Protein backbone atom coordinates (compact mmCIF):
# COMPACT_ATOMS: atom_id res chain seq x y z
CA MET A 1 0.00 0.00 0.00
CA SER A 2 1.47 3.36 -0.96
CA VAL A 3 1.97 6.24 1.45
CA GLY A 4 -0.50 8.37 -0.50
CA VAL A 5 -3.31 5.92 0.17
CA LEU A 6 -2.41 5.82 3.88
CA ILE A 7 -2.48 9.62 4.01
CA LEU A 8 -5.88 9.63 2.27
CA PHE A 9 -7.25 7.10 4.79
CA ALA A 10 -5.89 9.17 7.67
CA VAL A 11 -7.56 12.33 6.33
CA VAL A 12 -10.85 10.49 5.77
CA GLY A 13 -10.61 9.08 9.30
CA ALA A 14 -10.06 12.57 10.68
CA VAL A 15 -13.09 13.88 8.79
CA ILE A 16 -15.26 11.00 10.03
CA CYS A 17 -14.13 11.57 13.62
CA ALA A 18 -14.76 15.30 13.32
CA LYS A 19 -18.28 14.74 11.97
CA ALA A 20 -18.93 12.29 14.81
CA ARG A 21 -17.62 14.94 17.24
CA VAL A 22 -14.77 12.77 18.48
CA ALA A 23 -12.07 15.39 18.80
CA ALA A 24 -9.34 13.08 20.09
CA GLY A 25 -9.76 10.70 17.18
CA ALA A 26 -9.66 13.54 14.66
CA VAL A 27 -6.46 14.89 16.22
CA VAL A 28 -4.80 11.46 16.18
CA PHE A 29 -5.73 10.82 12.54
CA SER A 30 -4.51 14.31 11.58
CA LEU A 31 -1.18 13.76 13.32
CA VAL A 32 -0.76 10.40 11.59
CA ALA A 33 -1.45 12.05 8.23
CA LEU A 34 1.05 14.82 9.00
CA VAL A 35 3.77 12.34 10.01
CA LEU A 36 3.15 10.26 6.89
CA PHE A 37 3.28 13.40 4.70
CA VAL A 38 6.57 14.56 6.24
CA ALA A 39 8.00 11.08 5.57
CA THR A 40 7.40 11.50 1.82
CA PRO A 41 9.87 13.27 -0.47
CA ALA A 42 7.31 16.03 -1.11
CA GLY A 43 6.93 16.76 2.59
CA GLN A 44 10.55 16.57 3.68
CA GLY A 45 10.99 20.33 3.30
CA LEU A 46 7.98 21.12 5.52
CA PRO A 47 9.83 21.24 8.87
CA ASP A 48 12.48 23.58 7.41
CA ALA A 49 9.80 25.79 5.84
CA VAL A 50 7.88 26.07 9.12
CA SER A 51 11.10 26.81 11.01
CA SER A 52 12.08 29.50 8.51
CA PHE A 53 8.63 31.08 8.66
CA LEU A 54 8.57 31.18 12.46
CA SER A 55 12.09 32.60 12.54
CA THR A 56 11.08 35.37 10.13
CA VAL A 57 8.01 36.19 12.22
CA ASP A 58 10.13 36.26 15.38
CA HIS A 59 12.74 38.56 13.84
CA SER A 60 10.09 40.94 12.48
CA THR A 61 8.04 41.18 15.68
CA THR A 62 10.86 41.45 18.23
CA PRO A 63 11.70 45.13 17.51
CA ALA A 64 8.04 46.11 17.73
CA LEU A 65 7.61 44.28 21.00
CA ASN A 66 10.75 45.79 22.49
CA HIS A 67 9.71 49.27 21.36
CA GLU A 68 6.34 48.90 23.11
CA ARG A 69 8.04 47.93 26.35
CA GLU A 70 10.35 50.98 26.22
CA ALA A 71 7.46 53.31 25.44
CA SER A 72 5.28 51.99 28.25
CA ALA A 73 8.13 52.29 30.78
CA GLY A 74 7.75 56.07 30.79
CA SER A 75 8.39 58.01 27.63
CA GLY A 76 7.56 61.34 29.25
CA ALA A 77 4.63 61.94 26.92
CA VAL A 78 1.48 63.34 28.44
CA GLY A 79 -1.59 61.94 27.09
């Protein structure tokens, strides 16, 4: 059985569990599908892409967050 068919069955299982309102089952099936996808050649770049995206978000938001902390510490503005 190919990995693609296993991923399809995992996604279908997650949908069935979600429609039956079994959240734990849907989460487990979704995690299985994600692990199977990352194991394929098409999904091997996914962890690096997620890491790069989160790093970019972190680098872009850190100056804004630090600036807010300095401004709230007492900028001398009356307002």
